[in-house]
């Protein structure tokens, strides 16, 4: 599961930043793009979800995908 969120939005969620969150915006953009590239290259093994969605919507999408694997 890839919970996709633009770095600008995600970094605003932390009051304090650890060594990863303290990295540059460019770093976070590259990491995000890396995960999106992995997901695009192997869509059978990745699910990309919009992390801006409501928590219950995200949970339902994850549950649906996992239940299909059981």
C-alpha atoms as a PDB file:
ATOM      1  CA  UNK A   1       0.000   0.000   0.000  1.00  0.00           C
ATOM      2  CA  UNK A   2       1.305   3.400  -0.966  1.00  0.00           C
ATOM      3  CA  UNK A   3      -0.467   6.215   0.834  1.00  0.00           C
ATOM      4  CA  UNK A   4       0.239   9.040  -1.564  1.00  0.00           C
ATOM      5  CA  UNK A   5       0.432  12.600  -0.323  1.00  0.00           C
ATOM      6  CA  UNK A   6       2.321  15.571  -1.676  1.00  0.00           C
ATOM      7  CA  UNK A   7       5.317  16.249   0.569  1.00  0.00           C
ATOM      8  CA  UNK A   8       4.231  19.823   1.260  1.00  0.00           C
ATOM      9  CA  UNK A   9       1.004  18.536   2.815  1.00  0.00           C
ATOM     10  CA  UNK A  10       2.601  15.644   4.658  1.00  0.00           C
ATOM     11  CA  UNK A  11       5.394  17.635   6.220  1.00  0.00           C
ATOM     12  CA  UNK A  12       2.853  20.061   7.636  1.00  0.00           C
ATOM     13  CA  UNK A  13       1.438  17.269   9.798  1.00  0.00           C
ATOM     14  CA  UNK A  14       4.468  17.096  12.109  1.00  0.00           C
ATOM     15  CA  UNK A  15       5.047  19.411  15.052  1.00  0.00           C
ATOM     16  CA  UNK A  16       8.567  18.039  15.482  1.00  0.00           C
ATOM     17  CA  UNK A  17      10.688  16.535  12.743  1.00  0.00           C
ATOM     18  CA  UNK A  18      13.058  13.591  13.033  1.00  0.00           C
ATOM     19  CA  UNK A  19      16.075  13.155  10.778  1.00  0.00           C
ATOM     20  CA  UNK A  20      13.944  11.944   7.848  1.00  0.00           C
ATOM     21  CA  UNK A  21      11.287  14.635   8.090  1.00  0.00           C
ATOM     22  CA  UNK A  22      14.052  17.238   8.429  1.00  0.00           C
ATOM     23  CA  UNK A  23      15.321  16.450   4.923  1.00  0.00           C
ATOM     24  CA  UNK A  24      14.712  18.921   2.100  1.00  0.00           C
ATOM     25  CA  UNK A  25      11.455  19.164   0.185  1.00  0.00           C
ATOM     26  CA  UNK A  26      13.317  17.934  -2.906  1.00  0.00           C
ATOM     27  CA  UNK A  27      14.359  14.798  -1.027  1.00  0.00           C
ATOM     28  CA  UNK A  28      10.747  14.057  -0.102  1.00  0.00           C
ATOM     29  CA  UNK A  29       9.607  14.686  -3.674  1.00  0.00           C
ATOM     30  CA  UNK A  30      12.191  12.196  -4.976  1.00  0.00           C
ATOM     31  CA  UNK A  31      11.140   9.578  -2.411  1.00  0.00           C
ATOM     32  CA  UNK A  32       7.468  10.027  -3.320  1.00  0.00           C
ATOM     33  CA  UNK A  33       8.244   9.730  -7.017  1.00  0.00           C
ATOM     34  CA  UNK A  34      10.304   6.608  -6.354  1.00  0.00           C
ATOM     35  CA  UNK A  35       7.356   4.898  -4.688  1.00  0.00           C
ATOM     36  CA  UNK A  36       4.960   6.007  -7.433  1.00  0.00           C
ATOM     37  CA  UNK A  37       7.386   4.661 -10.054  1.00  0.00           C
ATOM     38  CA  UNK A  38       7.570   1.297  -8.263  1.00  0.00           C
ATOM     39  CA  UNK A  39       3.785   1.128  -8.118  1.00  0.00           C
ATOM     40  CA  UNK A  40       3.416   2.028 -11.794  1.00  0.00           C
ATOM     41  CA  UNK A  41       5.960  -0.611 -12.806  1.00  0.00           C
ATOM     42  CA  UNK A  42       4.203  -3.379 -10.839  1.00  0.00           C
ATOM     43  CA  UNK A  43       0.517  -2.505 -10.367  1.00  0.00           C
ATOM     44  CA  UNK A  44      -0.394  -6.066  -9.355  1.00  0.00           C
ATOM     45  CA  UNK A  45       1.691  -5.700  -6.208  1.00  0.00           C
ATOM     46  CA  UNK A  46       1.038  -2.082  -5.254  1.00  0.00           C
ATOM     47  CA  UNK A  47      -2.077  -0.116  -4.464  1.00  0.00           C
ATOM     48  CA  UNK A  48      -1.741   3.655  -4.526  1.00  0.00           C
ATOM     49  CA  UNK A  49      -4.260   5.421  -2.321  1.00  0.00           C
ATOM     50  CA  UNK A  50      -4.863   9.138  -1.964  1.00  0.00           C
ATOM     51  CA  UNK A  51      -3.830   9.882   1.610  1.00  0.00           C
ATOM     52  CA  UNK A  52      -6.029  12.999   1.580  1.00  0.00           C
ATOM     53  CA  UNK A  53      -9.116  10.764   1.632  1.00  0.00           C
ATOM     54  CA  UNK A  54     -11.068  10.162   4.807  1.00  0.00           C
ATOM     55  CA  UNK A  55      -9.563   7.603   7.155  1.00  0.00           C
ATOM     56  CA  UNK A  56     -12.561   5.286   6.804  1.00  0.00           C
ATOM     57  CA  UNK A  57     -12.270   5.368   2.993  1.00  0.00           C
ATOM     58  CA  UNK A  58      -8.575   4.517   3.148  1.00  0.00           C
ATOM     59  CA  UNK A  59      -9.220   1.721   5.647  1.00  0.00           C
ATOM     60  CA  UNK A  60     -11.999   0.274   3.472  1.00  0.00           C
ATOM     61  CA  UNK A  61      -9.771   0.279   0.374  1.00  0.00           C
ATOM     62  CA  UNK A  62      -6.968  -1.446   2.271  1.00  0.00           C
ATOM     63  CA  UNK A  63      -9.361  -3.990   3.760  1.00  0.00           C
ATOM     64  CA  UNK A  64     -10.821  -4.752   0.328  1.00  0.00           C
ATOM     65  CA  UNK A  65      -7.404  -5.401  -1.182  1.00  0.00           C
ATOM     66  CA  UNK A  66      -6.165  -7.512   1.732  1.00  0.00           C
ATOM     67  CA  UNK A  67      -9.331  -9.593   1.952  1.00  0.00           C
ATOM     68  CA  UNK A  68      -8.973 -10.461  -1.728  1.00  0.00           C
ATOM     69  CA  UNK A  69      -5.580 -11.968  -0.917  1.00  0.00           C
ATOM     70  CA  UNK A  70      -6.826 -14.173   1.933  1.00  0.00           C
END
